[in-house]
C-alpha atoms as a PDB file:
ATOM      1  CA  MET A   1      81.494  85.248  86.329  1.00  0.00           C
ATOM      2  CA  THR A   2      83.606  86.035  89.472  1.00  0.00           C
ATOM      3  CA  ASP A   3      82.809  88.966  91.313  1.00  0.00           C
ATOM      4  CA  LEU A   4      85.920  90.911  92.171  1.00  0.00           C
ATOM      5  CA  ARG A   5      84.577  93.929  94.171  1.00  0.00           C
ATOM      6  CA  PRO A   6      85.062  92.292  97.734  1.00  0.00           C
ATOM      7  CA  HIS A   7      88.683  91.892  96.314  1.00  0.00           C
ATOM      8  CA  LEU A   8      88.926  95.510  95.358  1.00  0.00           C
ATOM      9  CA  SER A   9      87.366  96.729  98.250  1.00  0.00           C
ATOM     10  CA  ARG A  10      89.779  94.992 100.554  1.00  0.00           C
ATOM     11  CA  ARG A  11      92.556  96.118  98.780  1.00  0.00           C
ATOM     12  CA  SER A  12      91.514  99.726  98.759  1.00  0.00           C
ATOM     13  CA  LEU A  13      91.125  99.892 102.488  1.00  0.00           C
ATOM     14  CA  LYS A  14      94.548  98.111 103.204  1.00  0.00           C
ATOM     15  CA  SER A  15      96.661 100.154 101.268  1.00  0.00           C
ATOM     16  CA  PRO A  16      95.989 103.686 103.036  1.00  0.00           C
ATOM     17  CA  SER A  17      96.758 101.841 106.378  1.00  0.00           C
ATOM     18  CA  ALA A  18      99.849 100.291 104.876  1.00  0.00           C
ATOM     19  CA  ALA A  19     101.302 103.414 103.751  1.00  0.00           C
ATOM     20  CA  ALA A  20     100.414 105.332 107.010  1.00  0.00           C
ATOM     21  CA  ILE A  21     102.072 102.542 109.182  1.00  0.00           C
ATOM     22  CA  ALA A  22     105.231 102.455 106.959  1.00  0.00           C
ATOM     23  CA  GLY A  23     105.528 106.394 106.735  1.00  0.00           C
ATOM     24  CA  ILE A  24     105.223 106.515 110.612  1.00  0.00           C
ATOM     25  CA  LEU A  25     107.782 104.001 111.104  1.00  0.00           C
ATOM     26  CA  PHE A  26     110.147 105.856 108.587  1.00  0.00           C
ATOM     27  CA  ALA A  27     109.535 109.096 110.046  1.00  0.00           C
ATOM     28  CA  LEU A  28     110.180 108.072 113.656  1.00  0.00           C
ATOM     29  CA  LEU A  29     113.439 106.302 112.594  1.00  0.00           C
ATOM     30  CA  TYR A  30     115.091 108.558 110.341  1.00  0.00           C
ATOM     31  CA  GLY A  31     113.999 111.443 112.332  1.00  0.00           C
ATOM     32  CA  ALA A  32     115.276 109.884 115.714  1.00  0.00           C
ATOM     33  CA  SER A  33     118.686 109.296 113.800  1.00  0.00           C
ATOM     34  CA  LEU A  34     118.896 112.750 112.557  1.00  0.00           C
ATOM     35  CA  VAL A  35     118.392 114.087 116.186  1.00  0.00           C
ATOM     36  CA  LEU A  36     120.849 111.607 117.889  1.00  0.00           C
ATOM     37  CA  VAL A  37     123.477 112.549 115.287  1.00  0.00           C
ATOM     38  CA  ARG A  38     122.970 116.378 115.828  1.00  0.00           C
ATOM     39  CA  ILE A  39     122.839 116.354 119.611  1.00  0.00           C
ATOM     40  CA  SER A  40     126.015 114.118 119.545  1.00  0.00           C
ATOM     41  CA  ILE A  41     128.409 115.674 117.135  1.00  0.00           C
ATOM     42  CA  PRO A  42     127.309 119.486 117.535  1.00  0.00           C
ATOM     43  CA  ASP A  43     129.443 120.811 114.417  1.00  0.00           C
ATOM     44  CA  PRO A  44     129.294 118.368 111.482  1.00  0.00           C
ATOM     45  CA  MET A  45     132.120 119.834 109.746  1.00  0.00           C
ATOM     46  CA  SER A  46     134.632 119.754 112.961  1.00  0.00           C
ATOM     47  CA  ALA A  47     137.499 117.155 112.841  1.00  0.00           C
ATOM     48  CA  ASP A  48     137.420 117.114 116.827  1.00  0.00           C
ATOM     49  CA  ALA A  49     136.599 113.762 118.163  1.00  0.00           C
ATOM     50  CA  ALA A  50     136.512 114.792 121.868  1.00  0.00           C
ATOM     51  CA  TRP A  51     132.682 113.807 121.692  1.00  0.00           C
ATOM     52  CA  LEU A  52     133.640 110.233 121.069  1.00  0.00           C
ATOM     53  CA  GLU A  53     134.115 108.539 124.463  1.00  0.00           C
ATOM     54  CA  ALA A  54     130.799 109.837 125.781  1.00  0.00           C
ATOM     55  CA  ASN A  55     128.728 109.592 122.661  1.00  0.00           C
ATOM     56  CA  SER A  56     129.780 106.558 120.684  1.00  0.00           C
ATOM     57  CA  GLN A  57     126.777 104.584 121.449  1.00  0.00           C
ATOM     58  CA  THR A  58     124.423 107.192 120.452  1.00  0.00           C
ATOM     59  CA  VAL A  59     126.032 107.666 117.132  1.00  0.00           C
ATOM     60  CA  ALA A  60     126.326 103.786 116.643  1.00  0.00           C
ATOM     61  CA  LEU A  61     122.396 103.613 117.178  1.00  0.00           C
ATOM     62  CA  ALA A  62     121.485 106.600 115.076  1.00  0.00           C
ATOM     63  CA  LEU A  63     123.456 104.836 112.162  1.00  0.00           C
ATOM     64  CA  ASN A  64     121.848 101.334 112.811  1.00  0.00           C
ATOM     65  CA  LEU A  65     118.299 102.949 112.623  1.00  0.00           C
ATOM     66  CA  VAL A  66     118.907 104.286 109.053  1.00  0.00           C
ATOM     67  CA  PRO A  67     118.459 100.822 107.306  1.00  0.00           C
ATOM     68  CA  PHE A  68     115.317 100.042 109.081  1.00  0.00           C
ATOM     69  CA  ALA A  69     114.004 103.705 108.185  1.00  0.00           C
ATOM     70  CA  GLY A  70     114.865 102.768 104.399  1.00  0.00           C
ATOM     71  CA  ILE A  71     112.855  99.598 104.326  1.00  0.00           C
ATOM     72  CA  ALA A  72     109.929 101.696 105.835  1.00  0.00           C
ATOM     73  CA  PHE A  73     110.414 104.283 103.209  1.00  0.00           C
ATOM     74  CA  LEU A  74     110.418 101.922 100.379  1.00  0.00           C
ATOM     75  CA  TRP A  75     107.092 100.462 101.587  1.00  0.00           C
ATOM     76  CA  PHE A  76     105.764 103.916 101.870  1.00  0.00           C
ATOM     77  CA  ILE A  77     106.757 104.546  98.271  1.00  0.00           C
ATOM     78  CA  GLY A  78     105.186 101.265  97.075  1.00  0.00           C
ATOM     79  CA  VAL A  79     101.841 101.454  98.997  1.00  0.00           C
ATOM     80  CA  ILE A  80     101.399 105.348  97.757  1.00  0.00           C
ATOM     81  CA  ARG A  81     101.838 104.248  94.056  1.00  0.00           C
ATOM     82  CA  ASP A  82      99.406 101.490  94.791  1.00  0.00           C
ATOM     83  CA  ARG A  83      97.114 104.006  96.346  1.00  0.00           C
ATOM     84  CA  VAL A  84      97.044 106.146  93.039  1.00  0.00           C
ATOM     85  CA  GLY A  85      96.498 103.160  91.013  1.00  0.00           C
ATOM     86  CA  GLU A  86      95.642 103.657  87.226  1.00  0.00           C
ATOM     87  CA  LEU A  87      95.229 107.643  88.044  1.00  0.00           C
ATOM     88  CA  GLU A  88      99.096 107.554  88.010  1.00  0.00           C
ATOM     89  CA  ASP A  89     100.825 110.140  85.869  1.00  0.00           C
ATOM     90  CA  ARG A  90     103.889 108.496  84.129  1.00  0.00           C
ATOM     91  CA  LEU A  91     106.068 111.527  84.057  1.00  0.00           C
ATOM     92  CA  PHE A  92     105.592 112.668  87.602  1.00  0.00           C
ATOM     93  CA  SER A  93     105.363 109.088  88.824  1.00  0.00           C
ATOM     94  CA  THR A  94     108.763 108.352  87.564  1.00  0.00           C
ATOM     95  CA  VAL A  95     110.238 111.519  89.254  1.00  0.00           C
ATOM     96  CA  PHE A  96     108.504 110.468  92.316  1.00  0.00           C
ATOM     97  CA  LEU A  97     110.023 106.940  92.134  1.00  0.00           C
ATOM     98  CA  GLY A  98     113.466 108.074  90.984  1.00  0.00           C
ATOM     99  CA  SER A  99     113.751 110.691  93.619  1.00  0.00           C
ATOM    100  CA  GLY A 100     112.741 108.552  96.450  1.00  0.00           C
ATOM    101  CA  LEU A 101     115.082 105.903  95.494  1.00  0.00           C
ATOM    102  CA  LEU A 102     117.938 108.556  94.823  1.00  0.00           C
ATOM    103  CA  PHE A 103     117.295 109.683  98.183  1.00  0.00           C
ATOM    104  CA  LEU A 104     117.646 106.388  99.849  1.00  0.00           C
ATOM    105  CA  ALA A 105     120.949 105.660  97.757  1.00  0.00           C
ATOM    106  CA  LEU A 106     122.301 108.861  98.584  1.00  0.00           C
ATOM    107  CA  THR A 107     121.361 108.437 102.498  1.00  0.00           C
ATOM    108  CA  PHE A 108     122.638 104.846 102.508  1.00  0.00           C
ATOM    109  CA  VAL A 109     126.108 105.901 101.076  1.00  0.00           C
ATOM    110  CA  GLY A 110     126.385 108.588 103.399  1.00  0.00           C
ATOM    111  CA  VAL A 111     125.639 106.481 106.411  1.00  0.00           C
ATOM    112  CA  ALA A 112     128.254 103.854 105.367  1.00  0.00           C
ATOM    113  CA  MET A 113     130.818 106.305 104.728  1.00  0.00           C
ATOM    114  CA  ALA A 114     130.040 107.816 108.537  1.00  0.00           C
ATOM    115  CA  GLY A 115     129.864 104.323 109.695  1.00  0.00           C
ATOM    116  CA  GLY A 116     133.551 103.506 108.345  1.00  0.00           C
ATOM    117  CA  ALA A 117     134.783 106.546 109.585  1.00  0.00           C
ATOM    118  CA  PHE A 118     133.170 106.157 113.206  1.00  0.00           C
ATOM    119  CA  SER A 119     134.677 102.580 113.399  1.00  0.00           C
ATOM    120  CA  ILE A 120     138.266 103.742 112.456  1.00  0.00           C
ATOM    121  CA  LEU A 121     137.860 106.497 115.202  1.00  0.00           C
ATOM    122  CA  THR A 122     137.656 104.072 117.831  1.00  0.00           C
ATOM    123  CA  GLN A 123     141.348 103.017 117.023  1.00  0.00           C
ATOM    124  CA  GLY A 124     142.639 106.234 118.364  1.00  0.00           C
ATOM    125  CA  GLU A 125     143.157 110.026 117.998  1.00  0.00           C
ATOM    126  CA  ALA A 126     145.666 109.709 115.213  1.00  0.00           C
ATOM    127  CA  PHE A 127     142.827 109.405 112.628  1.00  0.00           C
ATOM    128  CA  ALA A 128     140.354 111.761 114.538  1.00  0.00           C
ATOM    129  CA  SER A 129     143.093 114.646 113.739  1.00  0.00           C
ATOM    130  CA  SER A 130     143.864 113.615 110.121  1.00  0.00           C
ATOM    131  CA  ASN A 131     142.601 114.976 106.980  1.00  0.00           C
ATOM    132  CA  VAL A 132     141.142 111.727 105.984  1.00  0.00           C
ATOM    133  CA  TYR A 133     138.843 111.909 108.984  1.00  0.00           C
ATOM    134  CA  ALA A 134     137.842 115.829 107.868  1.00  0.00           C
ATOM    135  CA  TYR A 135     137.138 114.760 104.591  1.00  0.00           C
ATOM    136  CA  SER A 136     135.235 111.842 105.207  1.00  0.00           C
ATOM    137  CA  GLN A 137     132.994 114.105 107.846  1.00  0.00           C
ATOM    138  CA  ALA A 138     132.620 116.590 105.027  1.00  0.00           C
ATOM    139  CA  VAL A 139     131.404 114.254 102.320  1.00  0.00           C
ATOM    140  CA  THR A 140     129.079 112.329 104.742  1.00  0.00           C
ATOM    141  CA  TYR A 141     127.407 115.655 105.710  1.00  0.00           C
ATOM    142  CA  SER A 142     127.161 116.765 101.960  1.00  0.00           C
ATOM    143  CA  LEU A 143     125.455 113.326 100.789  1.00  0.00           C
ATOM    144  CA  ILE A 144     122.961 113.139 103.693  1.00  0.00           C
ATOM    145  CA  ASN A 145     122.130 116.936 104.565  1.00  0.00           C
ATOM    146  CA  ILE A 146     122.715 118.647 101.039  1.00  0.00           C
ATOM    147  CA  TYR A 147     122.266 116.128  98.010  1.00  0.00           C
ATOM    148  CA  ALA A 148     119.923 113.406  99.947  1.00  0.00           C
ATOM    149  CA  ILE A 149     117.739 116.233 101.233  1.00  0.00           C
ATOM    150  CA  ARG A 150     117.353 117.988  97.990  1.00  0.00           C
ATOM    151  CA  MET A 151     116.069 114.670  96.520  1.00  0.00           C
ATOM    152  CA  ALA A 152     113.707 114.583  99.397  1.00  0.00           C
ATOM    153  CA  GLY A 153     112.336 118.092  98.167  1.00  0.00           C
ATOM    154  CA  LEU A 154     111.966 116.732  94.802  1.00  0.00           C
ATOM    155  CA  PHE A 155     109.995 113.520  96.036  1.00  0.00           C
ATOM    156  CA  MET A 156     107.509 115.861  97.834  1.00  0.00           C
ATOM    157  CA  ILE A 157     107.084 118.357  94.521  1.00  0.00           C
ATOM    158  CA  SER A 158     106.547 115.433  92.532  1.00  0.00           C
ATOM    159  CA  LEU A 159     104.052 113.600  95.071  1.00  0.00           C
ATOM    160  CA  GLY A 160     102.510 116.880  95.486  1.00  0.00           C
ATOM    161  CA  THR A 161     102.075 117.429  91.793  1.00  0.00           C
ATOM    162  CA  ILE A 162     100.265 113.743  91.557  1.00  0.00           C
ATOM    163  CA  TRP A 163      97.814 114.758  94.441  1.00  0.00           C
ATOM    164  CA  LEU A 164      96.840 117.947  92.409  1.00  0.00           C
ATOM    165  CA  ARG A 165      96.251 116.100  89.295  1.00  0.00           C
ATOM    166  CA  THR A 166      94.386 113.009  90.748  1.00  0.00           C
ATOM    167  CA  GLY A 167      92.710 114.544  93.572  1.00  0.00           C
ATOM    168  CA  VAL A 168      93.767 111.520  95.807  1.00  0.00           C
ATOM    169  CA  MET A 169      94.813 114.080  98.613  1.00  0.00           C
ATOM    170  CA  HIS A 170      93.204 117.464  99.597  1.00  0.00           C
ATOM    171  CA  ARG A 171      94.578 120.474  97.548  1.00  0.00           C
ATOM    172  CA  GLY A 172      95.734 122.049 100.707  1.00  0.00           C
ATOM    173  CA  TRP A 173      98.346 119.148 101.300  1.00  0.00           C
ATOM    174  CA  ALA A 174      99.804 119.811  97.906  1.00  0.00           C
ATOM    175  CA  LEU A 175     100.302 123.632  98.595  1.00  0.00           C
ATOM    176  CA  VAL A 176     102.051 122.810 101.707  1.00  0.00           C
ATOM    177  CA  THR A 177     104.051 120.184 100.272  1.00  0.00           C
ATOM    178  CA  TYR A 178     105.323 122.571  97.898  1.00  0.00           C
ATOM    179  CA  ALA A 179     106.148 125.197 100.557  1.00  0.00           C
ATOM    180  CA  LEU A 180     107.979 122.645 102.384  1.00  0.00           C
ATOM    181  CA  ALA A 181     109.787 121.089  99.598  1.00  0.00           C
ATOM    182  CA  LEU A 182     111.058 124.725  98.698  1.00  0.00           C
ATOM    183  CA  VAL A 183     112.472 125.106 102.062  1.00  0.00           C
ATOM    184  CA  LEU A 184     114.563 121.710 101.601  1.00  0.00           C
ATOM    185  CA  LEU A 185     115.630 122.437  98.020  1.00  0.00           C
ATOM    186  CA  LEU A 186     116.904 125.925  99.067  1.00  0.00           C
ATOM    187  CA  SER A 187     117.673 126.456 102.712  1.00  0.00           C
ATOM    188  CA  THR A 188     119.260 123.275 103.877  1.00  0.00           C
ATOM    189  CA  SER A 189     122.665 125.016 104.295  1.00  0.00           C
ATOM    190  CA  LEU A 190     121.132 127.431 106.994  1.00  0.00           C
ATOM    191  CA  SER A 191     120.564 124.865 109.799  1.00  0.00           C
ATOM    192  CA  ALA A 192     121.525 121.626 110.549  1.00  0.00           C
ATOM    193  CA  TRP A 193     117.774 120.875 111.684  1.00  0.00           C
ATOM    194  CA  VAL A 194     115.943 121.901 108.500  1.00  0.00           C
ATOM    195  CA  PRO A 195     116.210 117.871 107.195  1.00  0.00           C
ATOM    196  CA  LEU A 196     114.011 117.338 109.991  1.00  0.00           C
ATOM    197  CA  ILE A 197     111.076 118.805 107.772  1.00  0.00           C
ATOM    198  CA  PHE A 198     111.174 115.790 105.645  1.00  0.00           C
ATOM    199  CA  PRO A 199     110.264 113.208 108.361  1.00  0.00           C
ATOM    200  CA  GLY A 200     108.108 115.494 109.922  1.00  0.00           C
ATOM    201  CA  TRP A 201     106.217 115.875 106.735  1.00  0.00           C
ATOM    202  CA  VAL A 202     105.969 112.217 106.141  1.00  0.00           C
ATOM    203  CA  LEU A 203     104.791 111.675 109.655  1.00  0.00           C
ATOM    204  CA  ALA A 204     102.053 114.168 109.165  1.00  0.00           C
ATOM    205  CA  VAL A 205     100.807 113.026 105.861  1.00  0.00           C
ATOM    206  CA  SER A 206     100.998 109.499 107.311  1.00  0.00           C
ATOM    207  CA  VAL A 207      98.889 110.382 110.336  1.00  0.00           C
ATOM    208  CA  TYR A 208      96.342 112.007 107.897  1.00  0.00           C
ATOM    209  CA  ILE A 209      96.123 109.083 105.719  1.00  0.00           C
ATOM    210  CA  LEU A 210      95.655 106.697 108.609  1.00  0.00           C
ATOM    211  CA  ILE A 211      92.706 108.879 109.605  1.00  0.00           C
ATOM    212  CA  LEU A 212      91.189 108.910 106.501  1.00  0.00           C
ATOM    213  CA  SER A 213      91.465 104.861 106.427  1.00  0.00           C
ATOM    214  CA  PHE A 214      89.670 104.651 109.644  1.00  0.00           C
ATOM    215  CA  GLN A 215      86.961 106.719 108.337  1.00  0.00           C
ATOM    216  CA  GLU A 216      86.647 104.931 105.077  1.00  0.00           C
ATOM    217  CA  ARG A 217      86.414 101.603 107.274  1.00  0.00           C
ATOM    218  CA  ARG A 218      83.664 102.956 109.305  1.00  0.00           C
ATOM    219  CA  ARG A 219      81.624 104.565 106.566  1.00  0.00           C
ATOM    220  CA  ASP A 220      81.826 101.119 104.516  1.00  0.00           C
ATOM    221  CA  THR A 221      81.051  99.325 107.690  1.00  0.00           C
ATOM    222  CA  LEU A 222      77.800 101.360 108.234  1.00  0.00           C
ATOM    223  CA  ASN A 223      76.881 101.226 104.648  1.00  0.00           C
ATOM    224  CA  GLU A 224      77.132  97.345 104.860  1.00  0.00           C
ATOM    225  CA  ALA A 225      74.899  97.453 107.666  1.00  0.00           C
END
């Protein structure tokens, strides 16, 4: 009979590393995109396009980073689910997966709308001063900074609950996750910098998972020796 233990061991060791790397990539790309947009357009609800000439390349870079961040986030979701494995709770895993996909979908729609408005801006001041521009900018802001970020908060709550029920992560991580998620759910309108909590949380979790992965590898190597 074929021994499956070496295969399962390699899988359990690779999953944390893959999740950590994907999470770090997402956090850096998405966080950089948010920061670049925030410093380039001080007032997201403003119809003034005076910033365009000086910051057009910065905004274009920020928009182009988002698709790659989305790819990394999808990978992060998949590997986290694989890590939980048979311990996965169907209810919270469904909410976890659904909220993650909704976060990405809303973000992509918002970025696509922003990209369309941005490309038309280069055609002249007439569109920049029109109600169409103000409308597209307001919708983009709502999609990304209100609806998408609230889905991110729900994503965090569902994952924190999975951690509590399965013990895959330390209980303290789940409690911190709940607290940060509540800030995203209730306080996104207070500051344009609040959405940075989500990539910051993903980065912290990913670094922690990467450290645990290295410790597991070292422990298993010592045991084999």
